[in-house]
């Protein structure tokens, strides 16, 4: 069991450099080169909280171009 834990830790340390180089999927460059935040809003028609939040989410691009 001890060898397995050491092996798992070793494998995880190999993945750290790749995770550090990963690009941020939340921020992309716009047409003019300025950073733009990508907002992923998962919602449902049957959820009352989602229905209440939906107008606020839709208004974000107009309020903060």
Protein backbone atom coordinates (compact mmCIF):
# COMPACT_ATOMS: atom_id res chain seq x y z
CA UNK A 1 0.00 0.00 0.00
CA UNK A 2 2.86 2.32 0.80
CA UNK A 3 4.40 1.78 -2.64
CA UNK A 4 1.08 2.55 -4.30
CA UNK A 5 0.81 5.87 -2.44
CA UNK A 6 4.35 6.80 -3.47
CA UNK A 7 3.60 5.89 -7.07
CA UNK A 8 0.43 8.01 -7.09
CA UNK A 9 2.27 11.00 -5.60
CA UNK A 10 5.04 10.61 -8.16
CA UNK A 11 2.53 10.56 -11.03
CA UNK A 12 0.78 13.65 -9.66
CA UNK A 13 4.05 15.56 -9.49
CA UNK A 14 4.60 14.80 -13.16
CA UNK A 15 1.29 16.47 -14.03
CA UNK A 16 1.99 19.74 -12.21
CA UNK A 17 4.05 21.38 -15.00
CA UNK A 18 1.33 20.62 -17.54
CA UNK A 19 -1.37 22.13 -15.33
CA UNK A 20 0.71 25.29 -14.87
CA UNK A 21 1.03 25.76 -18.64
CA UNK A 22 -2.66 25.26 -19.36
CA UNK A 23 -4.34 28.33 -20.79
CA UNK A 24 -7.12 29.93 -18.81
CA UNK A 25 -10.40 28.86 -20.47
CA UNK A 26 -12.27 31.71 -18.78
CA UNK A 27 -10.32 34.53 -20.44
CA UNK A 28 -9.93 34.94 -24.20
CA UNK A 29 -8.63 37.80 -26.32
CA UNK A 30 -11.27 39.90 -28.02
CA UNK A 31 -11.14 41.27 -31.57
CA UNK A 32 -9.16 44.30 -30.40
CA UNK A 33 -6.80 42.22 -28.24
CA UNK A 34 -8.36 43.09 -24.89
CA UNK A 35 -9.10 40.21 -22.53
CA UNK A 36 -12.71 39.06 -22.32
CA UNK A 37 -14.11 36.84 -19.59
CA UNK A 38 -16.14 33.87 -20.79
CA UNK A 39 -19.16 33.28 -18.55
CA UNK A 40 -20.79 29.88 -18.69
CA UNK A 41 -24.30 30.08 -17.24
CA UNK A 42 -25.93 26.68 -16.81
CA UNK A 43 -29.62 27.00 -16.16
CA UNK A 44 -32.92 25.23 -16.34
CA UNK A 45 -36.40 26.37 -17.29
CA UNK A 46 -37.83 24.61 -14.25
CA UNK A 47 -35.45 26.10 -11.67
CA UNK A 48 -36.89 29.17 -9.89
CA UNK A 49 -33.40 30.42 -8.95
CA UNK A 50 -32.22 30.20 -12.56
CA UNK A 51 -35.35 31.97 -13.78
CA UNK A 52 -34.74 34.80 -11.31
CA UNK A 53 -31.05 35.09 -12.24
CA UNK A 54 -31.52 34.91 -16.01
CA UNK A 55 -32.41 38.63 -16.56
CA UNK A 56 -29.35 39.71 -14.58
CA UNK A 57 -27.08 37.46 -16.60
CA UNK A 58 -28.56 38.71 -19.87
CA UNK A 59 -27.96 42.34 -18.79
CA UNK A 60 -24.23 41.91 -18.05
CA UNK A 61 -22.95 42.58 -21.62
CA UNK A 62 -24.94 45.82 -21.86
CA UNK A 63 -23.92 47.00 -18.38
CA UNK A 64 -20.25 46.05 -18.81
CA UNK A 65 -19.24 46.11 -22.47
